[in-house]
Amino acid sequence: MAEDLASEPRYLAFFEEFNQQRFYEAHEVLETLWLPLRQGADGAFYKGLIQVAGAFVHLQKDRARPAIALLRLARNNLKGYPAQHRRVDVRRVEELIQKWLSALEEAGFNPLRFGPPPRLELPPRGK
């Protein structure tokens, strides 16, 4: 069943919503998939992705502190997974998290206001 989740419509919708900057909707759609699975082997993986989306909800509202907290939690939740997991390049997600954390913590500004929005990509099926 877990492998089937990589093509589950709610899972795919998460990436579509996220990449359209509908971070709240991305969070909500993936949460419906995660809730019944949260105690399973992939519970922290889905939770980490949800937290990334949640961080950007906060950035849309210009709330850096909760965004930083969620990005740190997401990084922690994703760190135990292999480089490629459920069609996601986990290392690339970790790089995205670090990039945004650095901008928020070191530069002291909300990069969502000044630069291109984040993207989370899924490789085509079979890769």
C-alpha atoms as a PDB file:
ATOM      1  CA  MET A   1       0.000   0.000   0.000  1.00  0.00           C
ATOM      2  CA  ALA A   2       2.792   2.462   0.868  1.00  0.00           C
ATOM      3  CA  GLU A   3       4.182   2.382  -2.671  1.00  0.00           C
ATOM      4  CA  ASP A   4       0.729   3.160  -4.033  1.00  0.00           C
ATOM      5  CA  LEU A   5       0.720   6.391  -2.007  1.00  0.00           C
ATOM      6  CA  ALA A   6       3.334   7.919  -4.330  1.00  0.00           C
ATOM      7  CA  SER A   7       0.616   8.132  -6.988  1.00  0.00           C
ATOM      8  CA  GLU A   8      -2.314   8.715  -4.617  1.00  0.00           C
ATOM      9  CA  PRO A   9      -4.358  11.732  -5.815  1.00  0.00           C
ATOM     10  CA  ARG A  10      -4.064  13.621  -2.508  1.00  0.00           C
ATOM     11  CA  TYR A  11      -0.308  13.119  -2.494  1.00  0.00           C
ATOM     12  CA  LEU A  12      -0.015  14.440  -6.043  1.00  0.00           C
ATOM     13  CA  ALA A  13      -2.406  17.300  -5.232  1.00  0.00           C
ATOM     14  CA  PHE A  14      -0.073  18.376  -2.421  1.00  0.00           C
ATOM     15  CA  PHE A  15       2.687  19.145  -4.933  1.00  0.00           C
ATOM     16  CA  GLU A  16       0.303  20.866  -7.330  1.00  0.00           C
ATOM     17  CA  GLU A  17      -1.116  23.098  -4.592  1.00  0.00           C
ATOM     18  CA  PHE A  18       2.333  23.841  -3.152  1.00  0.00           C
ATOM     19  CA  ASN A  19       3.745  24.853  -6.534  1.00  0.00           C
ATOM     20  CA  GLN A  20       0.766  27.160  -7.126  1.00  0.00           C
ATOM     21  CA  GLN A  21       1.622  28.878  -3.804  1.00  0.00           C
ATOM     22  CA  ARG A  22      -1.550  27.530  -2.236  1.00  0.00           C
ATOM     23  CA  PHE A  23       0.390  26.407   0.800  1.00  0.00           C
ATOM     24  CA  TYR A  24      -2.575  26.147   3.151  1.00  0.00           C
ATOM     25  CA  GLU A  25      -4.426  23.933   0.675  1.00  0.00           C
ATOM     26  CA  ALA A  26      -1.283  21.814   0.189  1.00  0.00           C
ATOM     27  CA  HIS A  27      -1.017  21.360   3.937  1.00  0.00           C
ATOM     28  CA  GLU A  28      -4.688  20.413   4.234  1.00  0.00           C
ATOM     29  CA  VAL A  29      -4.767  17.911   1.384  1.00  0.00           C
ATOM     30  CA  LEU A  30      -1.685  16.041   2.571  1.00  0.00           C
ATOM     31  CA  GLU A  31      -2.897  16.059   6.157  1.00  0.00           C
ATOM     32  CA  THR A  32      -5.969  14.053   5.110  1.00  0.00           C
ATOM     33  CA  LEU A  33      -3.619  11.384   3.758  1.00  0.00           C
ATOM     34  CA  TRP A  34      -1.221  11.539   6.705  1.00  0.00           C
ATOM     35  CA  LEU A  35      -3.658  11.370   9.630  1.00  0.00           C
ATOM     36  CA  PRO A  36      -4.531   7.660   9.349  1.00  0.00           C
ATOM     37  CA  LEU A  37      -0.864   6.812   8.586  1.00  0.00           C
ATOM     38  CA  ARG A  38       0.871   9.057  11.118  1.00  0.00           C
ATOM     39  CA  GLN A  39       2.053   6.170  13.295  1.00  0.00           C
ATOM     40  CA  GLY A  40       3.463   4.245  10.332  1.00  0.00           C
ATOM     41  CA  ALA A  41       6.934   4.168   8.807  1.00  0.00           C
ATOM     42  CA  ASP A  42       6.202   7.187   6.599  1.00  0.00           C
ATOM     43  CA  GLY A  43       4.434   9.240   9.256  1.00  0.00           C
ATOM     44  CA  ALA A  44       7.397  11.576   9.838  1.00  0.00           C
ATOM     45  CA  PHE A  45       7.960  11.914   6.081  1.00  0.00           C
ATOM     46  CA  TYR A  46       4.453  13.183   5.391  1.00  0.00           C
ATOM     47  CA  LYS A  47       4.525  15.291   8.540  1.00  0.00           C
ATOM     48  CA  GLY A  48       7.749  16.925   7.345  1.00  0.00           C
ATOM     49  CA  LEU A  49       6.192  17.851   3.997  1.00  0.00           C
ATOM     50  CA  ILE A  50       3.115  19.206   5.771  1.00  0.00           C
ATOM     51  CA  GLN A  51       5.376  21.310   7.997  1.00  0.00           C
ATOM     52  CA  VAL A  52       7.189  22.749   4.980  1.00  0.00           C
ATOM     53  CA  ALA A  53       3.852  23.853   3.542  1.00  0.00           C
ATOM     54  CA  GLY A  54       2.811  25.208   6.937  1.00  0.00           C
ATOM     55  CA  ALA A  55       5.995  27.262   7.132  1.00  0.00           C
ATOM     56  CA  PHE A  56       5.101  28.968   3.871  1.00  0.00           C
ATOM     57  CA  VAL A  57       1.583  29.661   5.115  1.00  0.00           C
ATOM     58  CA  HIS A  58       3.259  31.635   7.904  1.00  0.00           C
ATOM     59  CA  LEU A  59       5.581  33.398   5.460  1.00  0.00           C
ATOM     60  CA  GLN A  60       2.596  34.466   3.360  1.00  0.00           C
ATOM     61  CA  LYS A  61       1.358  36.161   6.525  1.00  0.00           C
ATOM     62  CA  ASP A  62       4.848  37.572   7.202  1.00  0.00           C
ATOM     63  CA  ARG A  63       5.304  35.544  10.385  1.00  0.00           C
ATOM     64  CA  ALA A  64       8.956  34.522  10.307  1.00  0.00           C
ATOM     65  CA  ARG A  65       9.309  32.985  13.768  1.00  0.00           C
ATOM     66  CA  PRO A  66       6.672  30.256  13.371  1.00  0.00           C
ATOM     67  CA  ALA A  67       7.941  29.632   9.819  1.00  0.00           C
ATOM     68  CA  ILE A  68      11.465  29.075  11.144  1.00  0.00           C
ATOM     69  CA  ALA A  69      10.150  26.721  13.824  1.00  0.00           C
ATOM     70  CA  LEU A  70       8.198  24.661  11.282  1.00  0.00           C
ATOM     71  CA  LEU A  71      11.131  24.491   8.861  1.00  0.00           C
ATOM     72  CA  ARG A  72      13.347  23.179  11.659  1.00  0.00           C
ATOM     73  CA  LEU A  73      10.734  20.575  12.603  1.00  0.00           C
ATOM     74  CA  ALA A  74      10.365  19.560   8.953  1.00  0.00           C
ATOM     75  CA  ARG A  75      14.130  19.147   8.576  1.00  0.00           C
ATOM     76  CA  ASN A  76      14.166  16.933  11.658  1.00  0.00           C
ATOM     77  CA  ASN A  77      11.252  14.823  10.400  1.00  0.00           C
ATOM     78  CA  LEU A  78      12.789  14.288   6.967  1.00  0.00           C
ATOM     79  CA  LYS A  79      16.361  13.529   8.034  1.00  0.00           C
ATOM     80  CA  GLY A  80      15.833   9.794   8.558  1.00  0.00           C
ATOM     81  CA  TYR A  81      14.631   9.086   5.037  1.00  0.00           C
ATOM     82  CA  PRO A  82      16.709   8.021   2.026  1.00  0.00           C
ATOM     83  CA  ALA A  83      17.705  10.504  -0.661  1.00  0.00           C
ATOM     84  CA  GLN A  84      14.808   9.337  -2.851  1.00  0.00           C
ATOM     85  CA  HIS A  85      11.592   8.489  -1.060  1.00  0.00           C
ATOM     86  CA  ARG A  86       8.044   8.224  -2.427  1.00  0.00           C
ATOM     87  CA  ARG A  87       9.240   9.856  -5.656  1.00  0.00           C
ATOM     88  CA  VAL A  88      10.608  12.867  -3.727  1.00  0.00           C
ATOM     89  CA  ASP A  89      14.216  13.997  -3.820  1.00  0.00           C
ATOM     90  CA  VAL A  90      14.459  14.346  -0.041  1.00  0.00           C
ATOM     91  CA  ARG A  91      17.917  15.926  -0.240  1.00  0.00           C
ATOM     92  CA  ARG A  92      16.548  18.650  -2.511  1.00  0.00           C
ATOM     93  CA  VAL A  93      13.745  19.324  -0.023  1.00  0.00           C
ATOM     94  CA  GLU A  94      16.355  19.548   2.735  1.00  0.00           C
ATOM     95  CA  GLU A  95      18.335  22.007   0.596  1.00  0.00           C
ATOM     96  CA  LEU A  96      15.192  24.083   0.082  1.00  0.00           C
ATOM     97  CA  ILE A  97      14.588  24.105   3.837  1.00  0.00           C
ATOM     98  CA  GLN A  98      18.170  25.183   4.531  1.00  0.00           C
ATOM     99  CA  LYS A  99      18.060  27.923   1.890  1.00  0.00           C
ATOM    100  CA  TRP A 100      14.926  29.442   3.371  1.00  0.00           C
ATOM    101  CA  LEU A 101      16.142  29.029   6.946  1.00  0.00           C
ATOM    102  CA  SER A 102      19.382  30.799   6.081  1.00  0.00           C
ATOM    103  CA  ALA A 103      17.537  33.699   4.472  1.00  0.00           C
ATOM    104  CA  LEU A 104      15.195  34.029   7.428  1.00  0.00           C
ATOM    105  CA  GLU A 105      17.787  33.636  10.172  1.00  0.00           C
ATOM    106  CA  GLU A 106      20.894  35.240   8.693  1.00  0.00           C
ATOM    107  CA  ALA A 107      19.555  37.846   6.309  1.00  0.00           C
ATOM    108  CA  GLY A 108      16.617  38.709   8.502  1.00  0.00           C
ATOM    109  CA  PHE A 109      14.014  39.150   5.790  1.00  0.00           C
ATOM    110  CA  ASN A 110      11.131  37.203   4.324  1.00  0.00           C
ATOM    111  CA  PRO A 111      12.399  35.930   0.954  1.00  0.00           C
ATOM    112  CA  LEU A 112       8.863  35.060  -0.127  1.00  0.00           C
ATOM    113  CA  ARG A 113       8.239  38.800  -0.537  1.00  0.00           C
ATOM    114  CA  PHE A 114      11.240  39.432  -2.797  1.00  0.00           C
ATOM    115  CA  GLY A 115      12.122  36.361  -4.770  1.00  0.00           C
ATOM    116  CA  PRO A 116      10.750  33.382  -6.607  1.00  0.00           C
ATOM    117  CA  PRO A 117       8.502  31.079  -4.585  1.00  0.00           C
ATOM    118  CA  PRO A 118       9.658  27.611  -3.569  1.00  0.00           C
ATOM    119  CA  ARG A 119       8.877  24.564  -5.668  1.00  0.00           C
ATOM    120  CA  LEU A 120       8.663  20.879  -4.806  1.00  0.00           C
ATOM    121  CA  GLU A 121       8.974  18.598  -7.793  1.00  0.00           C
ATOM    122  CA  LEU A 122       8.104  14.976  -8.294  1.00  0.00           C
ATOM    123  CA  PRO A 123      10.056  13.129 -10.999  1.00  0.00           C
ATOM    124  CA  PRO A 124       8.014  11.455 -13.706  1.00  0.00           C
ATOM    125  CA  ARG A 125       6.687   8.029 -12.787  1.00  0.00           C
ATOM    126  CA  GLY A 126       9.296   5.288 -13.070  1.00  0.00           C
ATOM    127  CA  LYS A 127      12.300   7.412 -12.070  1.00  0.00           C
END
